[in-house]
Amino acid sequence: MGGILPRIGVMARAPGEKNMAKRSLTLAVVFWLLTGVGGVHAAGDMEAGKAKSAACLACHGADGNSINPEWPSLAGQMQEYLVKQLQDFKSGARKNAIMAGMVAPLLQQDMEDLAVYFASQVLKVSASADMEKAQEGQRLYRGGNAQTLVSACMSCHGPSGQGIPPRFPRVSGQHAVYSESQLLAFKAGKRSNDNEIMTRIAFRMSESEIKAVAHYMSGLK
């Protein structure tokens, strides 16, 4: 598996971490099944989405690869997840003054078109991750923290950060700055449009752990 660290899949873990990872994965799968899988969406039009994405270029880049680390790259993200975030910005379930203004005029079809376009783009993984922090983040991402009851991130987002459709988004290759800001928002309760799963997990994480995980995820492929 590619990434900023060689062969991260063979990292040795203590028995307790392995058991915790198994329990986390089981809970994630149960939640995924109970909350619905593969929600029905209107068919998005990629060409229409490309045309409509002109309003998104300043922050998210022409092809969904943001050059500003404070704004997320949308390229390669799950279509279902992108639609949900746009819906949440419009409903106010997820709060951001800039995005609230951007989504106000969007219809459901517009959201579907934009989502299918950005989902089809190729994410360009940055090589700017802090290697020291990434090594610390690898342990938490893959094994969690049994002492503080923090489950392994890969339980929901997958070993390579590709996510599990439709509920758990892709986190690989995302800007570390952006991922850190969102984890801190979950920790502080400023963001909770995910059925509070991340709120509970991030609350137990230290700011140092959050920064480390963010750097690790930024280099995953």
C-alpha atoms as a PDB file:
ATOM      1  CA  MET A   1       0.000   0.000   0.000  1.00  0.00           C
ATOM      2  CA  GLY A   2       1.382   3.381  -0.989  1.00  0.00           C
ATOM      3  CA  GLY A   3       1.873   6.239   1.420  1.00  0.00           C
ATOM      4  CA  ILE A   4       4.436   8.539   2.978  1.00  0.00           C
ATOM      5  CA  LEU A   5       5.770   5.680   5.087  1.00  0.00           C
ATOM      6  CA  PRO A   6       7.035   2.421   3.560  1.00  0.00           C
ATOM      7  CA  ARG A   7       4.756  -0.601   3.919  1.00  0.00           C
ATOM      8  CA  ILE A   8       2.678   0.813   6.752  1.00  0.00           C
ATOM      9  CA  GLY A   9       0.470  -2.264   6.676  1.00  0.00           C
ATOM     10  CA  VAL A  10       3.153  -4.403   8.327  1.00  0.00           C
ATOM     11  CA  MET A  11       3.592  -2.196  11.392  1.00  0.00           C
ATOM     12  CA  ALA A  12       3.613  -4.391  14.508  1.00  0.00           C
ATOM     13  CA  ARG A  13       0.822  -3.815  17.006  1.00  0.00           C
ATOM     14  CA  ALA A  14       0.309  -4.985  20.554  1.00  0.00           C
ATOM     15  CA  PRO A  15      -2.440  -7.595  21.162  1.00  0.00           C
ATOM     16  CA  GLY A  16      -4.569  -4.985  22.921  1.00  0.00           C
ATOM     17  CA  GLU A  17      -4.401  -2.677  19.911  1.00  0.00           C
ATOM     18  CA  LYS A  18      -5.355  -5.532  17.576  1.00  0.00           C
ATOM     19  CA  ASN A  19      -8.390  -6.413  19.675  1.00  0.00           C
ATOM     20  CA  MET A  20      -9.413  -2.777  19.856  1.00  0.00           C
ATOM     21  CA  ALA A  21      -9.115  -2.415  16.096  1.00  0.00           C
ATOM     22  CA  LYS A  22     -11.319  -5.498  15.592  1.00  0.00           C
ATOM     23  CA  ARG A  23     -13.957  -4.171  17.981  1.00  0.00           C
ATOM     24  CA  SER A  24     -13.858  -0.760  16.290  1.00  0.00           C
ATOM     25  CA  LEU A  25     -14.284  -2.294  12.862  1.00  0.00           C
ATOM     26  CA  THR A  26     -17.244  -4.370  14.064  1.00  0.00           C
ATOM     27  CA  LEU A  27     -18.933  -1.305  15.559  1.00  0.00           C
ATOM     28  CA  ALA A  28     -18.308   0.697  12.401  1.00  0.00           C
ATOM     29  CA  VAL A  29     -19.842  -1.965  10.199  1.00  0.00           C
ATOM     30  CA  VAL A  30     -22.872  -2.280  12.487  1.00  0.00           C
ATOM     31  CA  PHE A  31     -23.396   1.490  12.439  1.00  0.00           C
ATOM     32  CA  TRP A  32     -22.985   1.541   8.673  1.00  0.00           C
ATOM     33  CA  LEU A  33     -25.655  -1.121   8.249  1.00  0.00           C
ATOM     34  CA  LEU A  34     -28.072   0.444  10.724  1.00  0.00           C
ATOM     35  CA  THR A  35     -27.834   3.959   9.307  1.00  0.00           C
ATOM     36  CA  GLY A  36     -28.365   2.915   5.715  1.00  0.00           C
ATOM     37  CA  VAL A  37     -26.130   1.912   2.868  1.00  0.00           C
ATOM     38  CA  GLY A  38     -26.082   3.329  -0.618  1.00  0.00           C
ATOM     39  CA  GLY A  39     -28.733   6.012  -0.289  1.00  0.00           C
ATOM     40  CA  VAL A  40     -30.685   6.771  -3.445  1.00  0.00           C
ATOM     41  CA  HIS A  41     -29.411   9.808  -5.332  1.00  0.00           C
ATOM     42  CA  ALA A  42     -30.484  11.514  -8.499  1.00  0.00           C
ATOM     43  CA  ALA A  43     -28.074  10.871 -11.339  1.00  0.00           C
ATOM     44  CA  GLY A  44     -25.470  13.588 -11.561  1.00  0.00           C
ATOM     45  CA  ASP A  45     -24.316  15.036 -14.876  1.00  0.00           C
ATOM     46  CA  MET A  46     -20.535  15.316 -14.985  1.00  0.00           C
ATOM     47  CA  GLU A  47     -20.390  17.930 -17.738  1.00  0.00           C
ATOM     48  CA  ALA A  48     -23.007  20.033 -16.000  1.00  0.00           C
ATOM     49  CA  GLY A  49     -21.064  19.673 -12.780  1.00  0.00           C
ATOM     50  CA  LYS A  50     -17.872  20.829 -14.458  1.00  0.00           C
ATOM     51  CA  ALA A  51     -19.618  23.956 -15.705  1.00  0.00           C
ATOM     52  CA  LYS A  52     -21.182  24.648 -12.308  1.00  0.00           C
ATOM     53  CA  SER A  53     -17.843  24.126 -10.531  1.00  0.00           C
ATOM     54  CA  ALA A  54     -16.625  27.497 -11.833  1.00  0.00           C
ATOM     55  CA  ALA A  55     -17.924  29.048  -8.628  1.00  0.00           C
ATOM     56  CA  CYS A  56     -15.833  26.608  -6.587  1.00  0.00           C
ATOM     57  CA  LEU A  57     -12.459  27.218  -8.244  1.00  0.00           C
ATOM     58  CA  ALA A  58     -11.177  29.955  -5.961  1.00  0.00           C
ATOM     59  CA  CYS A  59     -11.141  27.710  -2.898  1.00  0.00           C
ATOM     60  CA  HIS A  60     -11.165  24.135  -4.178  1.00  0.00           C
ATOM     61  CA  GLY A  61      -9.128  24.392  -7.375  1.00  0.00           C
ATOM     62  CA  ALA A  62     -10.027  23.876 -11.020  1.00  0.00           C
ATOM     63  CA  ASP A  63     -10.019  20.090 -10.714  1.00  0.00           C
ATOM     64  CA  GLY A  64     -10.907  19.838  -7.043  1.00  0.00           C
ATOM     65  CA  ASN A  65      -7.294  19.988  -5.866  1.00  0.00           C
ATOM     66  CA  SER A  66      -7.102  22.949  -3.526  1.00  0.00           C
ATOM     67  CA  ILE A  67      -3.809  24.851  -3.380  1.00  0.00           C
ATOM     68  CA  ASN A  68      -4.777  26.502  -0.090  1.00  0.00           C
ATOM     69  CA  PRO A  69      -4.296  24.005   2.771  1.00  0.00           C
ATOM     70  CA  GLU A  70      -7.093  25.669   4.733  1.00  0.00           C
ATOM     71  CA  TRP A  71      -9.643  24.546   2.131  1.00  0.00           C
ATOM     72  CA  PRO A  72     -10.305  20.878   1.372  1.00  0.00           C
ATOM     73  CA  SER A  73      -9.477  19.131  -1.844  1.00  0.00           C
ATOM     74  CA  LEU A  74     -12.677  17.617  -3.255  1.00  0.00           C
ATOM     75  CA  ALA A  75     -11.109  15.533  -6.004  1.00  0.00           C
ATOM     76  CA  GLY A  76     -11.776  11.823  -5.581  1.00  0.00           C
ATOM     77  CA  GLN A  77     -14.107  12.288  -2.628  1.00  0.00           C
ATOM     78  CA  MET A  78     -17.185  10.080  -2.436  1.00  0.00           C
ATOM     79  CA  GLN A  79     -20.143  11.410  -4.387  1.00  0.00           C
ATOM     80  CA  GLU A  80     -22.617  10.559  -1.616  1.00  0.00           C
ATOM     81  CA  TYR A  81     -20.489  12.322   0.984  1.00  0.00           C
ATOM     82  CA  LEU A  82     -20.124  15.448  -1.116  1.00  0.00           C
ATOM     83  CA  VAL A  83     -23.886  15.630  -1.652  1.00  0.00           C
ATOM     84  CA  LYS A  84     -24.526  15.266   2.067  1.00  0.00           C
ATOM     85  CA  GLN A  85     -22.070  18.022   2.978  1.00  0.00           C
ATOM     86  CA  LEU A  86     -23.678  20.407   0.489  1.00  0.00           C
ATOM     87  CA  GLN A  87     -27.098  19.540   1.895  1.00  0.00           C
ATOM     88  CA  ASP A  88     -25.843  20.097   5.433  1.00  0.00           C
ATOM     89  CA  PHE A  89     -24.323  23.467   4.578  1.00  0.00           C
ATOM     90  CA  LYS A  90     -27.634  24.504   3.039  1.00  0.00           C
ATOM     91  CA  SER A  91     -29.733  23.280   5.974  1.00  0.00           C
ATOM     92  CA  GLY A  92     -27.351  24.716   8.553  1.00  0.00           C
ATOM     93  CA  ALA A  93     -26.480  21.311  10.009  1.00  0.00           C
ATOM     94  CA  ARG A  94     -22.875  22.155   9.113  1.00  0.00           C
ATOM     95  CA  LYS A  95     -21.963  25.775   9.635  1.00  0.00           C
ATOM     96  CA  ASN A  96     -19.627  27.863   7.513  1.00  0.00           C
ATOM     97  CA  ALA A  97     -20.458  31.408   6.499  1.00  0.00           C
ATOM     98  CA  ILE A  98     -18.775  31.174   3.098  1.00  0.00           C
ATOM     99  CA  MET A  99     -20.285  27.821   2.175  1.00  0.00           C
ATOM    100  CA  ALA A 100     -23.728  28.867   3.397  1.00  0.00           C
ATOM    101  CA  GLY A 101     -23.717  31.630   0.815  1.00  0.00           C
ATOM    102  CA  MET A 102     -22.358  29.371  -1.910  1.00  0.00           C
ATOM    103  CA  VAL A 103     -24.971  26.632  -1.483  1.00  0.00           C
ATOM    104  CA  ALA A 104     -27.985  28.893  -0.928  1.00  0.00           C
ATOM    105  CA  PRO A 105     -29.017  28.918  -4.619  1.00  0.00           C
ATOM    106  CA  LEU A 106     -28.202  25.250  -5.282  1.00  0.00           C
ATOM    107  CA  LEU A 107     -30.932  22.768  -6.094  1.00  0.00           C
ATOM    108  CA  GLN A 108     -30.598  19.049  -5.398  1.00  0.00           C
ATOM    109  CA  GLN A 109     -29.658  18.399  -9.027  1.00  0.00           C
ATOM    110  CA  ASP A 110     -26.919  21.027  -8.820  1.00  0.00           C
ATOM    111  CA  MET A 111     -25.463  19.227  -5.815  1.00  0.00           C
ATOM    112  CA  GLU A 112     -25.574  15.886  -7.612  1.00  0.00           C
ATOM    113  CA  ASP A 113     -23.876  17.370 -10.674  1.00  0.00           C
ATOM    114  CA  LEU A 114     -21.108  18.976  -8.642  1.00  0.00           C
ATOM    115  CA  ALA A 115     -20.589  15.839  -6.583  1.00  0.00           C
ATOM    116  CA  VAL A 116     -20.246  13.492  -9.540  1.00  0.00           C
ATOM    117  CA  TYR A 117     -17.805  15.890 -11.213  1.00  0.00           C
ATOM    118  CA  PHE A 118     -15.497  16.285  -8.218  1.00  0.00           C
ATOM    119  CA  ALA A 119     -15.715  12.585  -7.360  1.00  0.00           C
ATOM    120  CA  SER A 120     -14.435  11.775 -10.843  1.00  0.00           C
ATOM    121  CA  GLN A 121     -11.325  13.943 -10.538  1.00  0.00           C
ATOM    122  CA  VAL A 122      -7.906  12.594  -9.537  1.00  0.00           C
ATOM    123  CA  LEU A 123      -6.606  13.653  -6.140  1.00  0.00           C
ATOM    124  CA  LYS A 124      -3.037  14.928  -6.113  1.00  0.00           C
ATOM    125  CA  VAL A 125      -1.423  13.824  -2.853  1.00  0.00           C
ATOM    126  CA  SER A 126       0.890  16.395  -1.321  1.00  0.00           C
ATOM    127  CA  ALA A 127       4.362  15.399  -0.182  1.00  0.00           C
ATOM    128  CA  SER A 128       4.523  18.090   2.502  1.00  0.00           C
ATOM    129  CA  ALA A 129       3.558  15.976   5.531  1.00  0.00           C
ATOM    130  CA  ASP A 130       5.705  16.204   8.665  1.00  0.00           C
ATOM    131  CA  MET A 131       7.348  12.767   8.805  1.00  0.00           C
ATOM    132  CA  GLU A 132       7.911  12.789  12.565  1.00  0.00           C
ATOM    133  CA  LYS A 133       4.294  13.634  13.283  1.00  0.00           C
ATOM    134  CA  ALA A 134       3.138  11.172  10.618  1.00  0.00           C
ATOM    135  CA  GLN A 135       4.940   8.326  12.371  1.00  0.00           C
ATOM    136  CA  GLU A 136       3.097   9.138  15.587  1.00  0.00           C
ATOM    137  CA  GLY A 137      -0.170   9.474  13.682  1.00  0.00           C
ATOM    138  CA  GLN A 138       0.295   6.082  12.033  1.00  0.00           C
ATOM    139  CA  ARG A 139       0.040   4.302  15.389  1.00  0.00           C
ATOM    140  CA  LEU A 140      -3.211   6.049  16.287  1.00  0.00           C
ATOM    141  CA  TYR A 141      -4.744   5.757  12.811  1.00  0.00           C
ATOM    142  CA  ARG A 142      -4.106   2.026  12.638  1.00  0.00           C
ATOM    143  CA  GLY A 143      -4.345   0.967  16.275  1.00  0.00           C
ATOM    144  CA  GLY A 144      -6.221   3.646  18.189  1.00  0.00           C
ATOM    145  CA  ASN A 145      -5.498   4.458  21.823  1.00  0.00           C
ATOM    146  CA  ALA A 146      -6.800   1.827  24.223  1.00  0.00           C
ATOM    147  CA  GLN A 147      -6.075   3.971  27.285  1.00  0.00           C
ATOM    148  CA  THR A 148      -8.312   6.826  26.162  1.00  0.00           C
ATOM    149  CA  LEU A 149     -10.807   4.627  24.272  1.00  0.00           C
ATOM    150  CA  VAL A 150     -10.002   6.217  20.922  1.00  0.00           C
ATOM    151  CA  SER A 151     -10.833   3.713  18.183  1.00  0.00           C
ATOM    152  CA  ALA A 152      -8.578   3.181  15.185  1.00  0.00           C
ATOM    153  CA  CYS A 153      -9.314   5.680  12.414  1.00  0.00           C
ATOM    154  CA  MET A 154      -9.007   2.954   9.796  1.00  0.00           C
ATOM    155  CA  SER A 155     -12.049   1.207  11.275  1.00  0.00           C
ATOM    156  CA  CYS A 156     -14.255   3.707   9.438  1.00  0.00           C
ATOM    157  CA  HIS A 157     -11.936   5.269   6.890  1.00  0.00           C
ATOM    158  CA  GLY A 158     -10.130   2.148   5.727  1.00  0.00           C
ATOM    159  CA  PRO A 159      -6.450   1.076   5.960  1.00  0.00           C
ATOM    160  CA  SER A 160      -5.472   3.408   3.123  1.00  0.00           C
ATOM    161  CA  GLY A 161      -7.899   6.204   3.999  1.00  0.00           C
ATOM    162  CA  GLN A 162     -10.222   5.587   1.060  1.00  0.00           C
ATOM    163  CA  GLY A 163     -13.311   5.579   3.293  1.00  0.00           C
ATOM    164  CA  ILE A 164     -16.354   3.311   3.388  1.00  0.00           C
ATOM    165  CA  PRO A 165     -19.315   4.529   1.267  1.00  0.00           C
ATOM    166  CA  PRO A 166     -21.564   6.253   1.874  1.00  0.00           C
ATOM    167  CA  ARG A 167     -21.066   7.383   5.472  1.00  0.00           C
ATOM    168  CA  PHE A 168     -17.333   7.449   6.030  1.00  0.00           C
ATOM    169  CA  PRO A 169     -15.403   9.792   3.721  1.00  0.00           C
ATOM    170  CA  ARG A 170     -12.047   9.509   2.080  1.00  0.00           C
ATOM    171  CA  VAL A 171      -9.379  11.123   4.272  1.00  0.00           C
ATOM    172  CA  SER A 172      -6.248  10.129   2.364  1.00  0.00           C
ATOM    173  CA  GLY A 173      -4.329  12.888   0.637  1.00  0.00           C
ATOM    174  CA  GLN A 174      -6.275  15.665   2.335  1.00  0.00           C
ATOM    175  CA  HIS A 175      -4.415  18.770   3.500  1.00  0.00           C
ATOM    176  CA  ALA A 176      -3.124  18.230   7.035  1.00  0.00           C
ATOM    177  CA  VAL A 177      -4.100  21.781   7.986  1.00  0.00           C
ATOM    178  CA  TYR A 178      -7.690  21.226   6.897  1.00  0.00           C
ATOM    179  CA  SER A 179      -8.010  17.781   8.518  1.00  0.00           C
ATOM    180  CA  GLU A 180      -6.611  19.152  11.767  1.00  0.00           C
ATOM    181  CA  SER A 181      -9.063  22.062  11.746  1.00  0.00           C
ATOM    182  CA  GLN A 182     -12.020  19.733  11.251  1.00  0.00           C
ATOM    183  CA  LEU A 183     -10.918  17.330  13.987  1.00  0.00           C
ATOM    184  CA  LEU A 184     -10.519  20.280  16.348  1.00  0.00           C
ATOM    185  CA  ALA A 185     -13.995  21.475  15.354  1.00  0.00           C
ATOM    186  CA  PHE A 186     -15.406  18.040  16.154  1.00  0.00           C
ATOM    187  CA  LYS A 187     -13.517  18.030  19.459  1.00  0.00           C
ATOM    188  CA  ALA A 188     -14.932  21.417  20.444  1.00  0.00           C
ATOM    189  CA  GLY A 189     -18.455  20.491  19.343  1.00  0.00           C
ATOM    190  CA  LYS A 190     -18.439  23.158  16.634  1.00  0.00           C
ATOM    191  CA  ARG A 191     -19.111  20.518  13.984  1.00  0.00           C
ATOM    192  CA  SER A 192     -21.496  17.629  14.590  1.00  0.00           C
ATOM    193  CA  ASN A 193     -23.173  16.769  11.270  1.00  0.00           C
ATOM    194  CA  ASP A 194     -22.050  13.125  11.418  1.00  0.00           C
ATOM    195  CA  ASN A 195     -24.381  11.690  14.071  1.00  0.00           C
ATOM    196  CA  GLU A 196     -21.728  12.757  16.625  1.00  0.00           C
ATOM    197  CA  ILE A 197     -19.429   9.831  15.856  1.00  0.00           C
ATOM    198  CA  MET A 198     -16.416  12.065  15.272  1.00  0.00           C
ATOM    199  CA  THR A 199     -17.441  14.380  18.099  1.00  0.00           C
ATOM    200  CA  ARG A 200     -17.107  11.537  20.588  1.00  0.00           C
ATOM    201  CA  ILE A 201     -13.842  10.261  19.113  1.00  0.00           C
ATOM    202  CA  ALA A 202     -12.142  13.641  18.667  1.00  0.00           C
ATOM    203  CA  PHE A 203     -13.164  14.715  22.178  1.00  0.00           C
ATOM    204  CA  ARG A 204     -10.936  11.957  23.589  1.00  0.00           C
ATOM    205  CA  MET A 205      -7.983  12.875  21.386  1.00  0.00           C
ATOM    206  CA  SER A 206      -5.301  15.315  22.478  1.00  0.00           C
ATOM    207  CA  GLU A 207      -4.445  18.217  20.188  1.00  0.00           C
ATOM    208  CA  SER A 208      -1.063  16.588  19.619  1.00  0.00           C
ATOM    209  CA  GLU A 209      -2.727  13.342  18.518  1.00  0.00           C
ATOM    210  CA  ILE A 210      -5.039  15.257  16.201  1.00  0.00           C
ATOM    211  CA  LYS A 211      -2.124  17.020  14.521  1.00  0.00           C
ATOM    212  CA  ALA A 212      -0.223  13.747  14.161  1.00  0.00           C
ATOM    213  CA  VAL A 213      -3.159  11.886  12.594  1.00  0.00           C
ATOM    214  CA  ALA A 214      -3.818  14.778  10.226  1.00  0.00           C
ATOM    215  CA  HIS A 215      -0.238  14.645   8.945  1.00  0.00           C
ATOM    216  CA  TYR A 216      -0.373  10.876   8.563  1.00  0.00           C
ATOM    217  CA  MET A 217      -3.606  10.954   6.580  1.00  0.00           C
ATOM    218  CA  SER A 218      -2.271  13.660   4.274  1.00  0.00           C
ATOM    219  CA  GLY A 219       0.334  11.264   2.914  1.00  0.00           C
ATOM    220  CA  LEU A 220      -1.897   8.207   2.505  1.00  0.00           C
ATOM    221  CA  LYS A 221      -2.707   7.093  -1.020  1.00  0.00           C
END
